[in-house]
Amino acid sequence: GPGYTIPAEIGQKHLRGSLAAARLPDQ
C-alpha cells in the first residue's frame, strides 16, 4: 500500500458494482 490507512467510513451497502476498501482483519 502507500504506507498509511484511512479511518473507516462505514454505512453504504455492498451491492453489485460497489467499490469498497480492503482492510486487515478485526483481530
PDB file of all heavy atoms in Angstrom:
ATOM      1  N   GLY A   1       0.838  -1.198   0.000  1.00  0.00           N
ATOM      2  CA  GLY A   1       0.000   0.000   0.000  1.00  0.00           C
ATOM      3  C   GLY A   1       0.869   1.242   0.000  1.00  0.00           C
ATOM      4  O   GLY A   1       2.088   1.157  -0.139  1.00  0.00           O
ATOM      5  N   PRO A   2       0.262   2.404   0.175  1.00  0.00           N
ATOM      6  CA  PRO A   2       1.021   3.659   0.138  1.00  0.00           C
ATOM      7  C   PRO A   2       1.716   4.001   1.454  1.00  0.00           C
ATOM      8  O   PRO A   2       2.408   5.013   1.537  1.00  0.00           O
ATOM      9  CB  PRO A   2      -0.060   4.694  -0.193  1.00  0.00           C
ATOM     10  CG  PRO A   2      -1.287   4.136   0.429  1.00  0.00           C
ATOM     11  CD  PRO A   2      -1.194   2.636   0.240  1.00  0.00           C
ATOM     12  N   GLY A   3       1.512   3.188   2.482  1.00  0.00           N
ATOM     13  CA  GLY A   3       2.185   3.454   3.748  1.00  0.00           C
ATOM     14  C   GLY A   3       1.306   4.115   4.786  1.00  0.00           C
ATOM     15  O   GLY A   3       1.806   4.611   5.803  1.00  0.00           O
ATOM     16  N   TYR A   4       0.002   4.116   4.574  1.00  0.00           N
ATOM     17  CA  TYR A   4      -0.928   4.688   5.552  1.00  0.00           C
ATOM     18  C   TYR A   4      -2.285   4.010   5.406  1.00  0.00           C
ATOM     19  O   TYR A   4      -2.540   3.298   4.432  1.00  0.00           O
ATOM     20  CB  TYR A   4      -1.073   6.200   5.364  1.00  0.00           C
ATOM     21  CG  TYR A   4      -1.561   6.623   3.993  1.00  0.00           C
ATOM     22  CD1 TYR A   4      -2.917   6.595   3.642  1.00  0.00           C
ATOM     23  CD2 TYR A   4      -0.660   7.063   3.024  1.00  0.00           C
ATOM     24  CE1 TYR A   4      -3.361   6.976   2.389  1.00  0.00           C
ATOM     25  CE2 TYR A   4      -1.094   7.448   1.759  1.00  0.00           C
ATOM     26  CZ  TYR A   4      -2.441   7.408   1.453  1.00  0.00           C
ATOM     27  OH  TYR A   4      -2.878   7.786   0.208  1.00  0.00           O
ATOM     28  N   THR A   5      -3.144   4.212   6.400  1.00  0.00           N
ATOM     29  CA  THR A   5      -4.511   3.696   6.350  1.00  0.00           C
ATOM     30  C   THR A   5      -5.488   4.867   6.385  1.00  0.00           C
ATOM     31  O   THR A   5      -5.081   6.018   6.589  1.00  0.00           O
ATOM     32  CB  THR A   5      -4.804   2.743   7.517  1.00  0.00           C
ATOM     33  OG1 THR A   5      -4.588   3.449   8.757  1.00  0.00           O
ATOM     34  CG2 THR A   5      -3.890   1.524   7.474  1.00  0.00           C
ATOM     35  N   ILE A   6      -6.777   4.559   6.198  1.00  0.00           N
ATOM     36  CA  ILE A   6      -7.825   5.580   6.184  1.00  0.00           C
ATOM     37  C   ILE A   6      -8.863   5.219   7.245  1.00  0.00           C
ATOM     38  O   ILE A   6      -9.293   4.062   7.314  1.00  0.00           O
ATOM     39  CB  ILE A   6      -8.512   5.659   4.803  1.00  0.00           C
ATOM     40  CG1 ILE A   6      -7.466   5.763   3.686  1.00  0.00           C
ATOM     41  CG2 ILE A   6      -9.477   6.844   4.742  1.00  0.00           C
ATOM     42  CD1 ILE A   6      -8.046   5.554   2.302  1.00  0.00           C
ATOM     43  N   PRO A   7      -9.285   6.172   8.070  1.00  0.00           N
ATOM     44  CA  PRO A   7     -10.321   5.872   9.063  1.00  0.00           C
ATOM     45  C   PRO A   7     -11.589   5.341   8.399  1.00  0.00           C
ATOM     46  O   PRO A   7     -11.971   5.789   7.315  1.00  0.00           O
ATOM     47  CB  PRO A   7     -10.580   7.232   9.734  1.00  0.00           C
ATOM     48  CG  PRO A   7      -9.312   7.992   9.523  1.00  0.00           C
ATOM     49  CD  PRO A   7      -8.800   7.562   8.178  1.00  0.00           C
ATOM     50  N   ALA A   8     -12.229   4.385   9.065  1.00  0.00           N
ATOM     51  CA  ALA A   8     -13.433   3.765   8.500  1.00  0.00           C
ATOM     52  C   ALA A   8     -14.550   4.780   8.304  1.00  0.00           C
ATOM     53  O   ALA A   8     -14.722   5.704   9.106  1.00  0.00           O
ATOM     54  CB  ALA A   8     -13.913   2.642   9.414  1.00  0.00           C
ATOM     55  N   GLU A   9     -15.291   4.628   7.212  1.00  0.00           N
ATOM     56  CA  GLU A   9     -16.490   5.430   6.925  1.00  0.00           C
ATOM     57  C   GLU A   9     -17.599   4.451   6.514  1.00  0.00           C
ATOM     58  O   GLU A   9     -18.058   4.430   5.390  1.00  0.00           O
ATOM     59  CB  GLU A   9     -16.213   6.446   5.808  1.00  0.00           C
ATOM     60  CG  GLU A   9     -15.181   7.493   6.194  1.00  0.00           C
ATOM     61  CD  GLU A   9     -14.850   8.454   5.063  1.00  0.00           C
ATOM     62  OE1 GLU A   9     -14.328   7.975   4.024  1.00  0.00           O
ATOM     63  OE2 GLU A   9     -15.108   9.652   5.208  1.00  0.00           O
ATOM     64  N   ILE A  10     -18.003   3.638   7.444  1.00  0.00           N
ATOM     65  CA  ILE A  10     -18.931   2.543   7.181  1.00  0.00           C
ATOM     66  C   ILE A  10     -20.364   3.048   7.144  1.00  0.00           C
ATOM     67  O   ILE A  10     -20.756   3.882   7.954  1.00  0.00           O
ATOM     68  CB  ILE A  10     -18.767   1.452   8.262  1.00  0.00           C
ATOM     69  CG1 ILE A  10     -17.333   0.885   8.209  1.00  0.00           C
ATOM     70  CG2 ILE A  10     -19.791   0.339   8.089  1.00  0.00           C
ATOM     71  CD1 ILE A  10     -16.951   0.059   9.411  1.00  0.00           C
ATOM     72  N   GLY A  11     -21.149   2.547   6.211  1.00  0.00           N
ATOM     73  CA  GLY A  11     -22.544   2.972   6.134  1.00  0.00           C
ATOM     74  C   GLY A  11     -23.240   2.586   4.850  1.00  0.00           C
ATOM     75  O   GLY A  11     -24.432   2.300   4.832  1.00  0.00           O
ATOM     76  N   GLN A  12     -22.487   2.548   3.744  1.00  0.00           N
ATOM     77  CA  GLN A  12     -23.079   2.205   2.455  1.00  0.00           C
ATOM     78  C   GLN A  12     -23.089   0.684   2.261  1.00  0.00           C
ATOM     79  O   GLN A  12     -22.211  -0.023   2.749  1.00  0.00           O
ATOM     80  CB  GLN A  12     -22.308   2.864   1.314  1.00  0.00           C
ATOM     81  CG  GLN A  12     -22.248   4.381   1.426  1.00  0.00           C
ATOM     82  CD  GLN A  12     -23.624   5.003   1.516  1.00  0.00           C
ATOM     83  OE1 GLN A  12     -24.450   4.836   0.621  1.00  0.00           O
ATOM     84  NE2 GLN A  12     -23.885   5.739   2.593  1.00  0.00           N
ATOM     85  N   LYS A  13     -24.061   0.187   1.539  1.00  0.00           N
ATOM     86  CA  LYS A  13     -24.230  -1.254   1.367  1.00  0.00           C
ATOM     87  C   LYS A  13     -23.371  -1.816   0.237  1.00  0.00           C
ATOM     88  O   LYS A  13     -23.061  -1.125  -0.722  1.00  0.00           O
ATOM     89  CB  LYS A  13     -25.699  -1.582   1.119  1.00  0.00           C
ATOM     90  CG  LYS A  13     -26.605  -1.285   2.302  1.00  0.00           C
ATOM     91  CD  LYS A  13     -28.010  -1.768   2.047  1.00  0.00           C
ATOM     92  CE  LYS A  13     -28.901  -1.473   3.250  1.00  0.00           C
ATOM     93  NZ  LYS A  13     -28.415  -2.145   4.480  1.00  0.00           N
ATOM     94  N   HIS A  14     -23.019  -3.077   0.392  1.00  0.00           N
ATOM     95  CA  HIS A  14     -22.270  -3.809  -0.629  1.00  0.00           C
ATOM     96  C   HIS A  14     -23.250  -4.385  -1.647  1.00  0.00           C
ATOM     97  O   HIS A  14     -23.816  -5.472  -1.451  1.00  0.00           O
ATOM     98  CB  HIS A  14     -21.463  -4.940   0.008  1.00  0.00           C
ATOM     99  CG  HIS A  14     -20.237  -4.490   0.733  1.00  0.00           C
ATOM    100  ND1 HIS A  14     -20.283  -3.902   1.981  1.00  0.00           N
ATOM    101  CD2 HIS A  14     -18.925  -4.537   0.381  1.00  0.00           C
ATOM    102  CE1 HIS A  14     -19.057  -3.614   2.375  1.00  0.00           C
ATOM    103  NE2 HIS A  14     -18.207  -3.983   1.422  1.00  0.00           N
ATOM    104  N   LEU A  15     -23.446  -3.672  -2.731  1.00  0.00           N
ATOM    105  CA  LEU A  15     -24.321  -4.101  -3.810  1.00  0.00           C
ATOM    106  C   LEU A  15     -23.470  -4.482  -5.020  1.00  0.00           C
ATOM    107  O   LEU A  15     -22.270  -4.187  -5.060  1.00  0.00           O
ATOM    108  CB  LEU A  15     -25.291  -2.976  -4.185  1.00  0.00           C
ATOM    109  CG  LEU A  15     -26.132  -2.402  -3.029  1.00  0.00           C
ATOM    110  CD1 LEU A  15     -26.954  -1.223  -3.519  1.00  0.00           C
ATOM    111  CD2 LEU A  15     -27.016  -3.474  -2.415  1.00  0.00           C
ATOM    112  N   ARG A  16     -24.068  -5.142  -5.982  1.00  0.00           N
ATOM    113  CA  ARG A  16     -23.331  -5.436  -7.218  1.00  0.00           C
ATOM    114  C   ARG A  16     -22.812  -4.127  -7.802  1.00  0.00           C
ATOM    115  O   ARG A  16     -23.570  -3.162  -7.992  1.00  0.00           O
ATOM    116  CB  ARG A  16     -24.247  -6.135  -8.224  1.00  0.00           C
ATOM    117  CG  ARG A  16     -23.619  -6.323  -9.607  1.00  0.00           C
ATOM    118  CD  ARG A  16     -24.489  -7.207 -10.487  1.00  0.00           C
ATOM    119  NE  ARG A  16     -24.145  -7.081 -11.898  1.00  0.00           N
ATOM    120  CZ  ARG A  16     -23.125  -7.697 -12.496  1.00  0.00           C
ATOM    121  NH1 ARG A  16     -22.338  -8.497 -11.789  1.00  0.00           N
ATOM    122  NH2 ARG A  16     -22.897  -7.533 -13.786  1.00  0.00           N
ATOM    123  N   GLY A  17     -21.503  -4.067  -8.067  1.00  0.00           N
ATOM    124  CA  GLY A  17     -20.885  -2.870  -8.605  1.00  0.00           C
ATOM    125  C   GLY A  17     -20.323  -1.928  -7.560  1.00  0.00           C
ATOM    126  O   GLY A  17     -19.691  -0.925  -7.911  1.00  0.00           O
ATOM    127  N   SER A  18     -20.522  -2.228  -6.285  1.00  0.00           N
ATOM    128  CA  SER A  18     -19.982  -1.344  -5.231  1.00  0.00           C
ATOM    129  C   SER A  18     -18.467  -1.378  -5.230  1.00  0.00           C
ATOM    130  O   SER A  18     -17.841  -2.429  -5.430  1.00  0.00           O
ATOM    131  CB  SER A  18     -20.502  -1.780  -3.857  1.00  0.00           C
ATOM    132  OG  SER A  18     -21.871  -1.522  -3.710  1.00  0.00           O
ATOM    133  N   LEU A  19     -17.876  -0.211  -4.973  1.00  0.00           N
ATOM    134  CA  LEU A  19     -16.429  -0.063  -4.813  1.00  0.00           C
ATOM    135  C   LEU A  19     -16.147   0.105  -3.331  1.00  0.00           C
ATOM    136  O   LEU A  19     -16.725   0.991  -2.687  1.00  0.00           O
ATOM    137  CB  LEU A  19     -15.945   1.167  -5.578  1.00  0.00           C
ATOM    138  CG  LEU A  19     -14.494   1.605  -5.347  1.00  0.00           C
ATOM    139  CD1 LEU A  19     -13.532   0.666  -6.071  1.00  0.00           C
ATOM    140  CD2 LEU A  19     -14.283   3.044  -5.803  1.00  0.00           C
ATOM    141  N   ALA A  20     -15.300  -0.731  -2.771  1.00  0.00           N
ATOM    142  CA  ALA A  20     -15.046  -0.679  -1.333  1.00  0.00           C
ATOM    143  C   ALA A  20     -13.559  -0.853  -1.046  1.00  0.00           C
ATOM    144  O   ALA A  20     -12.794  -1.326  -1.890  1.00  0.00           O
ATOM    145  CB  ALA A  20     -15.854  -1.760  -0.611  1.00  0.00           C
ATOM    146  N   ALA A  21     -13.182  -0.471   0.173  1.00  0.00           N
ATOM    147  CA  ALA A  21     -11.784  -0.529   0.577  1.00  0.00           C
ATOM    148  C   ALA A  21     -11.457  -1.834   1.291  1.00  0.00           C
ATOM    149  O   ALA A  21     -12.191  -2.265   2.185  1.00  0.00           O
ATOM    150  CB  ALA A  21     -11.457   0.648   1.497  1.00  0.00           C
ATOM    151  N   ALA A  22     -10.369  -2.468   0.874  1.00  0.00           N
ATOM    152  CA  ALA A  22      -9.879  -3.647   1.579  1.00  0.00           C
ATOM    153  C   ALA A  22      -9.282  -3.193   2.919  1.00  0.00           C
ATOM    154  O   ALA A  22      -8.985  -2.011   3.115  1.00  0.00           O
ATOM    155  CB  ALA A  22      -8.821  -4.357   0.739  1.00  0.00           C
ATOM    156  N   ARG A  23      -9.129  -4.128   3.829  1.00  0.00           N
ATOM    157  CA  ARG A  23      -8.524  -3.799   5.118  1.00  0.00           C
ATOM    158  C   ARG A  23      -8.024  -5.065   5.792  1.00  0.00           C
ATOM    159  O   ARG A  23      -8.373  -6.184   5.404  1.00  0.00           O
ATOM    160  CB  ARG A  23      -9.510  -3.075   6.022  1.00  0.00           C
ATOM    161  CG  ARG A  23     -10.718  -3.902   6.455  1.00  0.00           C
ATOM    162  CD  ARG A  23     -11.541  -3.155   7.485  1.00  0.00           C
ATOM    163  NE  ARG A  23     -12.748  -3.855   7.894  1.00  0.00           N
ATOM    164  CZ  ARG A  23     -12.790  -4.791   8.839  1.00  0.00           C
ATOM    165  NH1 ARG A  23     -11.663  -5.182   9.437  1.00  0.00           N
ATOM    166  NH2 ARG A  23     -13.939  -5.367   9.178  1.00  0.00           N
ATOM    167  N   LEU A  24      -7.233  -4.879   6.853  1.00  0.00           N
ATOM    168  CA  LEU A  24      -6.767  -6.009   7.651  1.00  0.00           C
ATOM    169  C   LEU A  24      -7.894  -6.507   8.550  1.00  0.00           C
ATOM    170  O   LEU A  24      -8.836  -5.766   8.850  1.00  0.00           O
ATOM    171  CB  LEU A  24      -5.562  -5.583   8.493  1.00  0.00           C
ATOM    172  CG  LEU A  24      -4.288  -5.252   7.715  1.00  0.00           C
ATOM    173  CD1 LEU A  24      -3.217  -4.730   8.672  1.00  0.00           C
ATOM    174  CD2 LEU A  24      -3.775  -6.472   6.967  1.00  0.00           C
ATOM    175  N   PRO A  25      -7.817  -7.759   9.013  1.00  0.00           N
ATOM    176  CA  PRO A  25      -8.875  -8.327   9.852  1.00  0.00           C
ATOM    177  C   PRO A  25      -9.042  -7.599  11.192  1.00  0.00           C
ATOM    178  O   PRO A  25      -8.136  -6.900  11.662  1.00  0.00           O
ATOM    179  CB  PRO A  25      -8.396  -9.772  10.087  1.00  0.00           C
ATOM    180  CG  PRO A  25      -7.421 -10.046   8.993  1.00  0.00           C
ATOM    181  CD  PRO A  25      -6.761  -8.735   8.699  1.00  0.00           C
ATOM    182  N   ASP A  26     -10.207  -7.802  11.801  1.00  0.00           N
ATOM    183  CA  ASP A  26     -10.530  -7.146  13.070  1.00  0.00           C
ATOM    184  C   ASP A  26      -9.523  -7.463  14.174  1.00  0.00           C
ATOM    185  O   ASP A  26      -9.266  -6.633  15.051  1.00  0.00           O
ATOM    186  CB  ASP A  26     -11.923  -7.567  13.549  1.00  0.00           C
ATOM    187  CG  ASP A  26     -13.029  -7.024  12.655  1.00  0.00           C
ATOM    188  OD1 ASP A  26     -12.727  -6.241  11.746  1.00  0.00           O
ATOM    189  OD2 ASP A  26     -14.195  -7.393  12.884  1.00  0.00           O
ATOM    190  N   GLN A  27      -8.964  -8.669  14.166  1.00  0.00           N
ATOM    191  CA  GLN A  27      -8.051  -9.070  15.238  1.00  0.00           C
ATOM    192  C   GLN A  27      -6.859  -8.128  15.361  1.00  0.00           C
ATOM    193  O   GLN A  27      -6.363  -7.875  16.463  1.00  0.00           O
ATOM    194  CB  GLN A  27      -7.534 -10.500  15.008  1.00  0.00           C
ATOM    195  CG  GLN A  27      -8.623 -11.573  15.032  1.00  0.00           C
ATOM    196  CD  GLN A  27      -9.172 -11.851  13.652  1.00  0.00           C
ATOM    197  OE1 GLN A  27      -9.368 -10.931  12.852  1.00  0.00           O
ATOM    198  NE2 GLN A  27      -9.415 -13.125  13.353  1.00  0.00           N
TER     199      GLN A  27
END
